[in-house]
C-alpha cells in the first residue's frame, strides 16, 4: 500500500502498513522496527495517539474518513499524547522527514492506494 496526495499527485509514503484490529491499533509502532524514510503506519478508526515507549520522534497526521487532512504534527517526541481531533477518523504516523518531503497541508486529501 502507499499514500498519495490528491492535490499534488505525489506519493507521500511508498510502504504503508495498515492497523485496523484493536490489538494492532493499541500497539501502533511500539515494539516495531524503526520506520524508514517513505514508511508509514495507517491507523484506521483512530483519532489520537501516544508515543509512550517510542525511542524516536514521529510525524502524525489526522484525517477525516474521506482522507481530508485535519491536523499535522511535524515532530512528536517520545512520551507525548496527541489528543483527538474533531472529525478525525484516521491517524497516519511517519518519520518527520517523510512528512516534510510530501508538502502536506491542512485541507489536502490523502488516498491509500495499492502499490503497483
PDB file of N, CA and C in Angstrom:
ATOM      1  N   UNK A   1       0.842  -1.178   0.000  1.00  0.00           N
ATOM      2  CA  UNK A   1       0.000   0.000   0.000  1.00  0.00           C
ATOM      3  C   UNK A   1       0.892   1.248   0.000  1.00  0.00           C
ATOM      4  N   UNK A   2       0.314   2.336  -0.470  1.00  0.00           N
ATOM      5  CA  UNK A   2       1.026   3.607  -0.475  1.00  0.00           C
ATOM      6  C   UNK A   2       0.017   4.736  -0.242  1.00  0.00           C
ATOM      7  N   UNK A   3       0.538   5.910   0.124  1.00  0.00           N
ATOM      8  CA  UNK A   3      -0.300   7.080   0.355  1.00  0.00           C
ATOM      9  C   UNK A   3       0.048   8.122  -0.697  1.00  0.00           C
ATOM     10  N   UNK A   4      -0.993   8.626  -1.382  1.00  0.00           N
ATOM     11  CA  UNK A   4      -0.821   9.647  -2.418  1.00  0.00           C
ATOM     12  C   UNK A   4      -1.575  10.915  -2.018  1.00  0.00           C
ATOM     13  N   UNK A   5      -0.957  12.070  -2.295  1.00  0.00           N
ATOM     14  CA  UNK A   5      -1.625  13.359  -2.148  1.00  0.00           C
ATOM     15  C   UNK A   5      -2.480  13.591  -3.382  1.00  0.00           C
ATOM     16  N   UNK A   6      -3.765  13.819  -3.204  1.00  0.00           N
ATOM     17  CA  UNK A   6      -4.633  14.071  -4.350  1.00  0.00           C
ATOM     18  C   UNK A   6      -4.445  15.493  -4.882  1.00  0.00           C
ATOM     19  N   UNK A   7      -3.888  16.399  -4.077  1.00  0.00           N
ATOM     20  CA  UNK A   7      -3.623  17.764  -4.554  1.00  0.00           C
ATOM     21  C   UNK A   7      -2.432  17.793  -5.499  1.00  0.00           C
ATOM     22  N   UNK A   8      -1.333  17.146  -5.104  1.00  0.00           N
ATOM     23  CA  UNK A   8      -0.101  17.217  -5.894  1.00  0.00           C
ATOM     24  C   UNK A   8       0.137  15.978  -6.750  1.00  0.00           C
ATOM     25  N   UNK A   9      -0.504  14.878  -6.404  1.00  0.00           N
ATOM     26  CA  UNK A   9      -0.255  13.613  -7.096  1.00  0.00           C
ATOM     27  C   UNK A   9       0.961  12.872  -6.581  1.00  0.00           C
ATOM     28  N   UNK A  10       1.682  13.477  -5.657  1.00  0.00           N
ATOM     29  CA  UNK A  10       2.917  12.890  -5.133  1.00  0.00           C
ATOM     30  C   UNK A  10       2.629  11.705  -4.210  1.00  0.00           C
ATOM     31  N   UNK A  11       3.526  10.725  -4.259  1.00  0.00           N
ATOM     32  CA  UNK A  11       3.481   9.621  -3.306  1.00  0.00           C
ATOM     33  C   UNK A  11       4.109  10.123  -2.013  1.00  0.00           C
ATOM     34  N   UNK A  12       3.348  10.126  -0.941  1.00  0.00           N
ATOM     35  CA  UNK A  12       3.835  10.587   0.363  1.00  0.00           C
ATOM     36  C   UNK A  12       4.623   9.473   1.042  1.00  0.00           C
ATOM     37  N   UNK A  13       4.052   8.278   1.050  1.00  0.00           N
ATOM     38  CA  UNK A  13       4.708   7.116   1.657  1.00  0.00           C
ATOM     39  C   UNK A  13       4.498   5.930   0.724  1.00  0.00           C
ATOM     40  N   UNK A  14       5.579   5.294   0.353  1.00  0.00           N
ATOM     41  CA  UNK A  14       5.514   4.184  -0.598  1.00  0.00           C
ATOM     42  C   UNK A  14       5.353   2.825   0.047  1.00  0.00           C
ATOM     43  N   UNK A  15       5.566   2.746   1.354  1.00  0.00           N
ATOM     44  CA  UNK A  15       5.427   1.487   2.089  1.00  0.00           C
ATOM     45  C   UNK A  15       4.570   1.767   3.317  1.00  0.00           C
ATOM     46  N   UNK A  16       3.318   1.332   3.256  1.00  0.00           N
ATOM     47  CA  UNK A  16       2.363   1.633   4.321  1.00  0.00           C
ATOM     48  C   UNK A  16       1.838   0.343   4.922  1.00  0.00           C
ATOM     49  N   UNK A  17       1.893   0.286   6.233  1.00  0.00           N
ATOM     50  CA  UNK A  17       1.286  -0.830   6.975  1.00  0.00           C
ATOM     51  C   UNK A  17      -0.024  -0.316   7.547  1.00  0.00           C
ATOM     52  N   UNK A  18      -1.069  -1.126   7.484  1.00  0.00           N
ATOM     53  CA  UNK A  18      -2.379  -0.724   7.979  1.00  0.00           C
ATOM     54  C   UNK A  18      -2.650  -1.432   9.291  1.00  0.00           C
ATOM     55  N   UNK A  19      -3.078  -0.664  10.282  1.00  0.00           N
ATOM     56  CA  UNK A  19      -3.504  -1.227  11.565  1.00  0.00           C
ATOM     57  C   UNK A  19      -5.003  -0.970  11.693  1.00  0.00           C
ATOM     58  N   UNK A  20      -5.784  -2.047  11.739  1.00  0.00           N
ATOM     59  CA  UNK A  20      -7.226  -1.864  11.864  1.00  0.00           C
ATOM     60  C   UNK A  20      -7.832  -2.704  12.982  1.00  0.00           C
ATOM     61  N   UNK A  21      -7.144  -3.767  13.406  1.00  0.00           N
ATOM     62  CA  UNK A  21      -7.655  -4.568  14.520  1.00  0.00           C
ATOM     63  C   UNK A  21      -7.333  -3.860  15.833  1.00  0.00           C
ATOM     64  N   UNK A  22      -8.099  -4.126  16.853  1.00  0.00           N
ATOM     65  CA  UNK A  22      -7.868  -3.486  18.148  1.00  0.00           C
ATOM     66  C   UNK A  22      -6.453  -3.723  18.668  1.00  0.00           C
ATOM     67  N   UNK A  23      -5.934  -4.967  18.643  1.00  0.00           N
ATOM     68  CA  UNK A  23      -4.555  -5.158  19.119  1.00  0.00           C
ATOM     69  C   UNK A  23      -3.533  -4.345  18.313  1.00  0.00           C
ATOM     70  N   UNK A  24      -3.694  -4.303  16.990  1.00  0.00           N
ATOM     71  CA  UNK A  24      -2.756  -3.543  16.148  1.00  0.00           C
ATOM     72  C   UNK A  24      -2.867  -2.052  16.422  1.00  0.00           C
ATOM     73  N   UNK A  25      -4.081  -1.555  16.638  1.00  0.00           N
ATOM     74  CA  UNK A  25      -4.267  -0.135  16.952  1.00  0.00           C
ATOM     75  C   UNK A  25      -3.649   0.216  18.299  1.00  0.00           C
ATOM     76  N   UNK A  26      -3.818  -0.652  19.277  1.00  0.00           N
ATOM     77  CA  UNK A  26      -3.253  -0.386  20.607  1.00  0.00           C
ATOM     78  C   UNK A  26      -1.725  -0.433  20.591  1.00  0.00           C
ATOM     79  N   UNK A  27      -1.161  -1.311  19.785  1.00  0.00           N
ATOM     80  CA  UNK A  27       0.292  -1.465  19.712  1.00  0.00           C
ATOM     81  C   UNK A  27       0.932  -0.357  18.875  1.00  0.00           C
ATOM     82  N   UNK A  28       0.315  -0.017  17.753  1.00  0.00           N
ATOM     83  CA  UNK A  28       0.881   1.013  16.886  1.00  0.00           C
ATOM     84  C   UNK A  28       2.306   0.675  16.487  1.00  0.00           C
ATOM     85  N   UNK A  29       3.222   1.600  16.738  1.00  0.00           N
ATOM     86  CA  UNK A  29       4.636   1.395  16.393  1.00  0.00           C
ATOM     87  C   UNK A  29       5.456   0.834  17.555  1.00  0.00           C
ATOM     88  N   UNK A  30       4.848   0.680  18.713  1.00  0.00           N
ATOM     89  CA  UNK A  30       5.565   0.179  19.882  1.00  0.00           C
ATOM     90  C   UNK A  30       6.073  -1.232  19.599  1.00  0.00           C
ATOM     91  N   UNK A  31       7.350  -1.442  19.794  1.00  0.00           N
ATOM     92  CA  UNK A  31       7.953  -2.756  19.599  1.00  0.00           C
ATOM     93  C   UNK A  31       8.226  -3.113  18.147  1.00  0.00           C
ATOM     94  N   UNK A  32       7.915  -2.223  17.241  1.00  0.00           N
ATOM     95  CA  UNK A  32       8.166  -2.449  15.816  1.00  0.00           C
ATOM     96  C   UNK A  32       9.550  -1.911  15.460  1.00  0.00           C
ATOM     97  N   UNK A  33      10.154  -2.409  14.379  1.00  0.00           N
ATOM     98  CA  UNK A  33      11.420  -1.816  13.936  1.00  0.00           C
ATOM     99  C   UNK A  33      11.210  -0.337  13.596  1.00  0.00           C
ATOM    100  N   UNK A  34      12.267   0.429  13.737  1.00  0.00           N
ATOM    101  CA  UNK A  34      12.200   1.864  13.443  1.00  0.00           C
ATOM    102  C   UNK A  34      11.713   2.085  12.006  1.00  0.00           C
ATOM    103  N   UNK A  35      10.834   3.051  11.833  1.00  0.00           N
ATOM    104  CA  UNK A  35      10.378   3.408  10.487  1.00  0.00           C
ATOM    105  C   UNK A  35      11.553   3.868   9.645  1.00  0.00           C
ATOM    106  N   UNK A  36      11.460   3.641   8.348  1.00  0.00           N
ATOM    107  CA  UNK A  36      12.445   4.152   7.394  1.00  0.00           C
ATOM    108  C   UNK A  36      11.799   5.296   6.622  1.00  0.00           C
ATOM    109  N   UNK A  37      12.598   6.165   6.028  1.00  0.00           N
ATOM    110  CA  UNK A  37      12.006   7.200   5.180  1.00  0.00           C
ATOM    111  C   UNK A  37      11.119   6.545   4.119  1.00  0.00           C
ATOM    112  N   UNK A  38       9.931   7.086   3.944  1.00  0.00           N
ATOM    113  CA  UNK A  38       8.985   6.522   2.990  1.00  0.00           C
ATOM    114  C   UNK A  38       8.030   5.510   3.583  1.00  0.00           C
ATOM    115  N   UNK A  39       8.221   5.116   4.857  1.00  0.00           N
ATOM    116  CA  UNK A  39       7.325   4.206   5.557  1.00  0.00           C
ATOM    117  C   UNK A  39       6.240   5.003   6.279  1.00  0.00           C
ATOM    118  N   UNK A  40       5.088   4.371   6.489  1.00  0.00           N
ATOM    119  CA  UNK A  40       4.032   4.980   7.297  1.00  0.00           C
ATOM    120  C   UNK A  40       3.188   3.880   7.922  1.00  0.00           C
ATOM    121  N   UNK A  41       2.542   4.244   9.009  1.00  0.00           N
ATOM    122  CA  UNK A  41       1.557   3.373   9.651  1.00  0.00           C
ATOM    123  C   UNK A  41       0.218   4.092   9.571  1.00  0.00           C
ATOM    124  N   UNK A  42      -0.770   3.461   8.921  1.00  0.00           N
ATOM    125  CA  UNK A  42      -2.122   3.991   8.734  1.00  0.00           C
ATOM    126  C   UNK A  42      -2.991   3.354   9.809  1.00  0.00           C
ATOM    127  N   UNK A  43      -3.466   4.141  10.759  1.00  0.00           N
ATOM    128  CA  UNK A  43      -4.275   3.647  11.869  1.00  0.00           C
ATOM    129  C   UNK A  43      -5.739   3.950  11.571  1.00  0.00           C
ATOM    130  N   UNK A  44      -6.463   2.917  11.141  1.00  0.00           N
ATOM    131  CA  UNK A  44      -7.862   3.062  10.763  1.00  0.00           C
ATOM    132  C   UNK A  44      -8.723   3.175  12.017  1.00  0.00           C
ATOM    133  N   UNK A  45      -9.723   4.038  11.968  1.00  0.00           N
ATOM    134  CA  UNK A  45     -10.616   4.259  13.118  1.00  0.00           C
ATOM    135  C   UNK A  45      -9.826   4.695  14.353  1.00  0.00           C
ATOM    136  N   UNK A  46      -8.910   5.625  14.162  1.00  0.00           N
ATOM    137  CA  UNK A  46      -8.058   6.114  15.248  1.00  0.00           C
ATOM    138  C   UNK A  46      -8.013   7.634  15.198  1.00  0.00           C
ATOM    139  N   UNK A  47      -8.281   8.260  16.335  1.00  0.00           N
ATOM    140  CA  UNK A  47      -8.316   9.718  16.402  1.00  0.00           C
ATOM    141  C   UNK A  47      -7.582  10.192  17.653  1.00  0.00           C
ATOM    142  N   UNK A  48      -6.321   9.910  17.729  1.00  0.00           N
ATOM    143  CA  UNK A  48      -5.497  10.301  18.870  1.00  0.00           C
ATOM    144  C   UNK A  48      -4.494   9.202  19.154  1.00  0.00           C
ATOM    145  N   UNK A  49      -3.274   9.604  19.485  1.00  0.00           N
ATOM    146  CA  UNK A  49      -2.220   8.615  19.720  1.00  0.00           C
ATOM    147  C   UNK A  49      -1.355   9.055  20.900  1.00  0.00           C
ATOM    148  N   UNK A  50      -0.512   8.148  21.335  1.00  0.00           N
ATOM    149  CA  UNK A  50       0.530   8.483  22.317  1.00  0.00           C
ATOM    150  C   UNK A  50       1.850   7.932  21.791  1.00  0.00           C
ATOM    151  N   UNK A  51       2.942   8.472  22.309  1.00  0.00           N
ATOM    152  CA  UNK A  51       4.265   7.980  21.914  1.00  0.00           C
ATOM    153  C   UNK A  51       5.026   7.412  23.113  1.00  0.00           C
ATOM    154  N   UNK A  52       4.305   6.973  24.149  1.00  0.00           N
ATOM    155  CA  UNK A  52       4.959   6.322  25.277  1.00  0.00           C
ATOM    156  C   UNK A  52       5.577   5.016  24.789  1.00  0.00           C
ATOM    157  N   UNK A  53       6.813   4.766  25.131  1.00  0.00           N
ATOM    158  CA  UNK A  53       7.516   3.561  24.701  1.00  0.00           C
ATOM    159  C   UNK A  53       8.265   3.736  23.385  1.00  0.00           C
ATOM    160  N   UNK A  54       8.068   4.861  22.724  1.00  0.00           N
ATOM    161  CA  UNK A  54       8.798   5.133  21.473  1.00  0.00           C
ATOM    162  C   UNK A  54      10.196   5.637  21.817  1.00  0.00           C
ATOM    163  N   UNK A  55      11.145   5.393  20.902  1.00  0.00           N
ATOM    164  CA  UNK A  55      12.520   5.844  21.124  1.00  0.00           C
ATOM    165  C   UNK A  55      12.942   6.915  20.129  1.00  0.00           C
ATOM    166  N   UNK A  56      12.006   7.383  19.311  1.00  0.00           N
ATOM    167  CA  UNK A  56      12.324   8.419  18.325  1.00  0.00           C
ATOM    168  C   UNK A  56      11.060   9.237  18.033  1.00  0.00           C
ATOM    169  N   UNK A  57      11.263  10.421  17.514  1.00  0.00           N
ATOM    170  CA  UNK A  57      10.142  11.307  17.180  1.00  0.00           C
ATOM    171  C   UNK A  57       9.470  10.842  15.889  1.00  0.00           C
ATOM    172  N   UNK A  58       8.168  11.076  15.815  1.00  0.00           N
ATOM    173  CA  UNK A  58       7.410  10.757  14.613  1.00  0.00           C
ATOM    174  C   UNK A  58       6.568  11.969  14.213  1.00  0.00           C
ATOM    175  N   UNK A  59       6.127  11.968  12.969  1.00  0.00           N
ATOM    176  CA  UNK A  59       5.151  12.940  12.490  1.00  0.00           C
ATOM    177  C   UNK A  59       3.787  12.258  12.527  1.00  0.00           C
ATOM    178  N   UNK A  60       2.759  13.041  12.826  1.00  0.00           N
ATOM    179  CA  UNK A  60       1.411  12.495  12.958  1.00  0.00           C
ATOM    180  C   UNK A  60       0.446  13.363  12.150  1.00  0.00           C
ATOM    181  N   UNK A  61      -0.354  12.711  11.314  1.00  0.00           N
ATOM    182  CA  UNK A  61      -1.357  13.406  10.502  1.00  0.00           C
ATOM    183  C   UNK A  61      -2.712  12.791  10.821  1.00  0.00           C
ATOM    184  N   UNK A  62      -3.690  13.643  11.143  1.00  0.00           N
ATOM    185  CA  UNK A  62      -5.050  13.184  11.421  1.00  0.00           C
ATOM    186  C   UNK A  62      -5.930  13.503  10.219  1.00  0.00           C
ATOM    187  N   UNK A  63      -6.703  12.507   9.793  1.00  0.00           N
ATOM    188  CA  UNK A  63      -7.550  12.623   8.608  1.00  0.00           C
ATOM    189  C   UNK A  63      -9.017  12.375   8.957  1.00  0.00           C
ATOM    190  N   UNK A  64      -9.900  12.991   8.169  1.00  0.00           N
ATOM    191  CA  UNK A  64     -11.309  12.611   8.201  1.00  0.00           C
ATOM    192  C   UNK A  64     -11.431  11.268   7.488  1.00  0.00           C
ATOM    193  N   UNK A  65     -12.602  10.686   7.563  1.00  0.00           N
ATOM    194  CA  UNK A  65     -12.858   9.401   6.905  1.00  0.00           C
ATOM    195  C   UNK A  65     -12.587   9.470   5.402  1.00  0.00           C
ATOM    196  N   UNK A  66     -12.825  10.643   4.776  1.00  0.00           N
ATOM    197  CA  UNK A  66     -12.617  10.783   3.330  1.00  0.00           C
ATOM    198  C   UNK A  66     -11.172  11.118   2.960  1.00  0.00           C
ATOM    199  N   UNK A  67     -10.270  11.147   3.955  1.00  0.00           N
ATOM    200  CA  UNK A  67      -8.858  11.407   3.701  1.00  0.00           C
ATOM    201  C   UNK A  67      -8.448  12.858   3.787  1.00  0.00           C
ATOM    202  N   UNK A  68      -9.362  13.759   4.138  1.00  0.00           N
ATOM    203  CA  UNK A  68      -9.027  15.179   4.277  1.00  0.00           C
ATOM    204  C   UNK A  68      -8.159  15.394   5.512  1.00  0.00           C
ATOM    205  N   UNK A  69      -7.048  16.106   5.337  1.00  0.00           N
ATOM    206  CA  UNK A  69      -6.115  16.375   6.435  1.00  0.00           C
ATOM    207  C   UNK A  69      -6.721  17.412   7.372  1.00  0.00           C
ATOM    208  N   UNK A  70      -6.850  17.035   8.648  1.00  0.00           N
ATOM    209  CA  UNK A  70      -7.395  17.920   9.672  1.00  0.00           C
ATOM    210  C   UNK A  70      -6.314  18.521  10.565  1.00  0.00           C
ATOM    211  N   UNK A  71      -5.263  17.759  10.833  1.00  0.00           N
ATOM    212  CA  UNK A  71      -4.202  18.218  11.736  1.00  0.00           C
ATOM    213  C   UNK A  71      -2.880  17.583  11.327  1.00  0.00           C
ATOM    214  N   UNK A  72      -1.815  18.350  11.517  1.00  0.00           N
ATOM    215  CA  UNK A  72      -0.458  17.891  11.200  1.00  0.00           C
ATOM    216  C   UNK A  72       0.436  18.209  12.397  1.00  0.00           C
ATOM    217  N   UNK A  73       1.135  17.210  12.869  1.00  0.00           N
ATOM    218  CA  UNK A  73       2.120  17.382  13.946  1.00  0.00           C
ATOM    219  C   UNK A  73       3.452  16.927  13.374  1.00  0.00           C
ATOM    220  N   UNK A  74       4.358  17.862  13.156  1.00  0.00           N
ATOM    221  CA  UNK A  74       5.594  17.579  12.424  1.00  0.00           C
ATOM    222  C   UNK A  74       6.613  16.752  13.194  1.00  0.00           C
ATOM    223  N   UNK A  75       6.714  16.942  14.494  1.00  0.00           N
ATOM    224  CA  UNK A  75       7.737  16.216  15.248  1.00  0.00           C
ATOM    225  C   UNK A  75       7.227  15.971  16.662  1.00  0.00           C
ATOM    226  N   UNK A  76       6.671  14.779  16.871  1.00  0.00           N
ATOM    227  CA  UNK A  76       6.128  14.400  18.165  1.00  0.00           C
ATOM    228  C   UNK A  76       7.176  13.557  18.882  1.00  0.00           C
ATOM    229  N   UNK A  77       7.687  14.086  19.967  1.00  0.00           N
ATOM    230  CA  UNK A  77       8.731  13.413  20.738  1.00  0.00           C
ATOM    231  C   UNK A  77       8.157  12.213  21.496  1.00  0.00           C
ATOM    232  N   UNK A  78       9.026  11.292  21.925  1.00  0.00           N
ATOM    233  CA  UNK A  78       8.563  10.192  22.766  1.00  0.00           C
ATOM    234  C   UNK A  78       7.871  10.705  24.033  1.00  0.00           C
ATOM    235  N   UNK A  79       6.966   9.891  24.548  1.00  0.00           N
ATOM    236  CA  UNK A  79       6.226  10.163  25.789  1.00  0.00           C
ATOM    237  C   UNK A  79       5.305  11.377  25.689  1.00  0.00           C
ATOM    238  N   UNK A  80       4.678  11.542  24.528  1.00  0.00           N
ATOM    239  CA  UNK A  80       3.721  12.630  24.319  1.00  0.00           C
ATOM    240  C   UNK A  80       2.362  12.045  23.934  1.00  0.00           C
ATOM    241  N   UNK A  81       1.325  12.880  24.039  1.00  0.00           N
ATOM    242  CA  UNK A  81      -0.026  12.494  23.654  1.00  0.00           C
ATOM    243  C   UNK A  81      -0.534  13.494  22.621  1.00  0.00           C
ATOM    244  N   UNK A  82      -1.108  12.987  21.549  1.00  0.00           N
ATOM    245  CA  UNK A  82      -1.822  13.805  20.577  1.00  0.00           C
ATOM    246  C   UNK A  82      -3.288  13.444  20.760  1.00  0.00           C
ATOM    247  N   UNK A  83      -4.036  14.370  21.321  1.00  0.00           N
ATOM    248  CA  UNK A  83      -5.437  14.107  21.636  1.00  0.00           C
ATOM    249  C   UNK A  83      -6.317  14.070  20.402  1.00  0.00           C
ATOM    250  N   UNK A  84      -7.560  13.661  20.594  1.00  0.00           N
ATOM    251  CA  UNK A  84      -8.499  13.567  19.484  1.00  0.00           C
ATOM    252  C   UNK A  84      -8.696  14.909  18.777  1.00  0.00           C
ATOM    253  N   UNK A  85      -8.931  14.833  17.481  1.00  0.00           N
ATOM    254  CA  UNK A  85      -9.201  15.991  16.640  1.00  0.00           C
ATOM    255  C   UNK A  85     -10.650  15.875  16.187  1.00  0.00           C
ATOM    256  N   UNK A  86     -11.411  16.935  16.336  1.00  0.00           N
ATOM    257  CA  UNK A  86     -12.825  16.902  15.950  1.00  0.00           C
ATOM    258  C   UNK A  86     -12.964  16.448  14.493  1.00  0.00           C
ATOM    259  N   UNK A  87     -13.735  15.397  14.283  1.00  0.00           N
ATOM    260  CA  UNK A  87     -13.966  14.870  12.938  1.00  0.00           C
ATOM    261  C   UNK A  87     -12.940  13.861  12.473  1.00  0.00           C
ATOM    262  N   UNK A  88     -11.905  13.626  13.267  1.00  0.00           N
ATOM    263  CA  UNK A  88     -10.843  12.702  12.877  1.00  0.00           C
ATOM    264  C   UNK A  88     -11.303  11.253  12.895  1.00  0.00           C
ATOM    265  N   UNK A  89     -10.829  10.470  11.927  1.00  0.00           N
ATOM    266  CA  UNK A  89     -11.177   9.056  11.845  1.00  0.00           C
ATOM    267  C   UNK A  89      -9.973   8.172  11.549  1.00  0.00           C
ATOM    268  N   UNK A  90      -8.885   8.780  11.063  1.00  0.00           N
ATOM    269  CA  UNK A  90      -7.686   8.035  10.659  1.00  0.00           C
ATOM    270  C   UNK A  90      -6.472   8.819  11.155  1.00  0.00           C
ATOM    271  N   UNK A  91      -5.485   8.113  11.658  1.00  0.00           N
ATOM    272  CA  UNK A  91      -4.218   8.733  12.031  1.00  0.00           C
ATOM    273  C   UNK A  91      -3.111   8.047  11.245  1.00  0.00           C
ATOM    274  N   UNK A  92      -2.209   8.854  10.709  1.00  0.00           N
ATOM    275  CA  UNK A  92      -1.069   8.322   9.960  1.00  0.00           C
ATOM    276  C   UNK A  92       0.205   8.741  10.684  1.00  0.00           C
ATOM    277  N   UNK A  93       1.069   7.768  10.956  1.00  0.00           N
ATOM    278  CA  UNK A  93       2.354   8.025  11.606  1.00  0.00           C
ATOM    279  C   UNK A  93       3.470   7.757  10.612  1.00  0.00           C
ATOM    280  N   UNK A  94       4.474   8.633  10.618  1.00  0.00           N
ATOM    281  CA  UNK A  94       5.617   8.500   9.715  1.00  0.00           C
ATOM    282  C   UNK A  94       6.784   9.266  10.316  1.00  0.00           C
ATOM    283  N   UNK A  95       7.943   9.152   9.705  1.00  0.00           N
ATOM    284  CA  UNK A  95       9.080   9.952  10.144  1.00  0.00           C
ATOM    285  C   UNK A  95       8.858  11.408   9.750  1.00  0.00           C
ATOM    286  N   UNK A  96       9.368  12.344  10.540  1.00  0.00           N
ATOM    287  CA  UNK A  96       9.232  13.757  10.182  1.00  0.00           C
ATOM    288  C   UNK A  96       9.742  14.069   8.778  1.00  0.00           C
ATOM    289  N   UNK A  97      10.848  13.433   8.355  1.00  0.00           N
ATOM    290  CA  UNK A  97      11.383  13.723   7.021  1.00  0.00           C
ATOM    291  C   UNK A  97      10.465  13.198   5.914  1.00  0.00           C
ATOM    292  N   UNK A  98       9.720  12.133   6.180  1.00  0.00           N
ATOM    293  CA  UNK A  98       8.750  11.644   5.197  1.00  0.00           C
ATOM    294  C   UNK A  98       7.628  12.661   5.042  1.00  0.00           C
ATOM    295  N   UNK A  99       7.136  13.169   6.157  1.00  0.00           N
ATOM    296  CA  UNK A  99       6.101  14.203   6.111  1.00  0.00           C
ATOM    297  C   UNK A  99       6.605  15.445   5.399  1.00  0.00           C
ATOM    298  N   UNK A 100       7.782  15.909   5.770  1.00  0.00           N
ATOM    299  CA  UNK A 100       8.317  17.153   5.204  1.00  0.00           C
ATOM    300  C   UNK A 100       8.536  17.056   3.697  1.00  0.00           C
ATOM    301  N   UNK A 101       8.875  15.874   3.204  1.00  0.00           N
ATOM    302  CA  UNK A 101       9.116  15.727   1.769  1.00  0.00           C
ATOM    303  C   UNK A 101       7.816  15.673   0.975  1.00  0.00           C
ATOM    304  N   UNK A 102       6.675  15.538   1.662  1.00  0.00           N
ATOM    305  CA  UNK A 102       5.406  15.354   0.971  1.00  0.00           C
ATOM    306  C   UNK A 102       4.579  16.597   0.738  1.00  0.00           C
ATOM    307  N   UNK A 103       4.964  17.757   1.279  1.00  0.00           N
ATOM    308  CA  UNK A 103       4.227  19.001   1.081  1.00  0.00           C
ATOM    309  C   UNK A 103       2.745  18.826   1.410  1.00  0.00           C
ATOM    310  N   UNK A 104       2.462  18.252   2.577  1.00  0.00           N
ATOM    311  CA  UNK A 104       1.080  18.044   3.015  1.00  0.00           C
ATOM    312  C   UNK A 104       0.588  19.301   3.721  1.00  0.00           C
ATOM    313  N   UNK A 105      -0.655  19.691   3.438  1.00  0.00           N
ATOM    314  CA  UNK A 105      -1.265  20.875   4.039  1.00  0.00           C
ATOM    315  C   UNK A 105      -2.631  20.526   4.603  1.00  0.00           C
ATOM    316  N   UNK A 106      -3.059  21.284   5.608  1.00  0.00           N
ATOM    317  CA  UNK A 106      -4.418  21.144   6.124  1.00  0.00           C
ATOM    318  C   UNK A 106      -5.382  21.326   4.948  1.00  0.00           C
ATOM    319  N   UNK A 107      -6.375  20.445   4.861  1.00  0.00           N
ATOM    320  CA  UNK A 107      -7.354  20.520   3.776  1.00  0.00           C
ATOM    321  C   UNK A 107      -7.022  19.645   2.574  1.00  0.00           C
ATOM    322  N   UNK A 108      -5.759  19.213   2.438  1.00  0.00           N
ATOM    323  CA  UNK A 108      -5.402  18.273   1.368  1.00  0.00           C
ATOM    324  C   UNK A 108      -6.166  16.973   1.587  1.00  0.00           C
ATOM    325  N   UNK A 109      -6.307  16.200   0.528  1.00  0.00           N
ATOM    326  CA  UNK A 109      -6.860  14.850   0.655  1.00  0.00           C
ATOM    327  C   UNK A 109      -5.773  13.849   0.338  1.00  0.00           C
ATOM    328  N   UNK A 110      -5.651  12.857   1.209  1.00  0.00           N
ATOM    329  CA  UNK A 110      -4.709  11.765   1.020  1.00  0.00           C
ATOM    330  C   UNK A 110      -5.475  10.498   0.721  1.00  0.00           C
ATOM    331  N   UNK A 111      -4.938   9.694  -0.167  1.00  0.00           N
ATOM    332  CA  UNK A 111      -5.581   8.444  -0.548  1.00  0.00           C
ATOM    333  C   UNK A 111      -4.652   7.277  -0.288  1.00  0.00           C
ATOM    334  N   UNK A 112      -5.213   6.213   0.244  1.00  0.00           N
ATOM    335  CA  UNK A 112      -4.496   4.961   0.421  1.00  0.00           C
ATOM    336  C   UNK A 112      -4.727   4.131  -0.835  1.00  0.00           C
ATOM    337  N   UNK A 113      -3.632   3.737  -1.482  1.00  0.00           N
ATOM    338  CA  UNK A 113      -3.717   3.029  -2.758  1.00  0.00           C
ATOM    339  C   UNK A 113      -2.929   1.722  -2.694  1.00  0.00           C
ATOM    340  N   UNK A 114      -3.283   0.811  -3.556  1.00  0.00           N
ATOM    341  CA  UNK A 114      -2.493  -0.401  -3.723  1.00  0.00           C
ATOM    342  C   UNK A 114      -1.234  -0.059  -4.509  1.00  0.00           C
ATOM    343  N   UNK A 115      -0.089  -0.502  -4.032  1.00  0.00           N
ATOM    344  CA  UNK A 115       1.179  -0.246  -4.744  1.00  0.00           C
ATOM    345  C   UNK A 115       1.194  -1.075  -6.019  1.00  0.00           C
ATOM    346  N   UNK A 116       1.821  -0.514  -7.067  1.00  0.00           N
ATOM    347  CA  UNK A 116       1.888  -1.276  -8.334  1.00  0.00           C
ATOM    348  C   UNK A 116       2.813  -2.471  -8.212  1.00  0.00           C
TER     349      UNK A 116
END
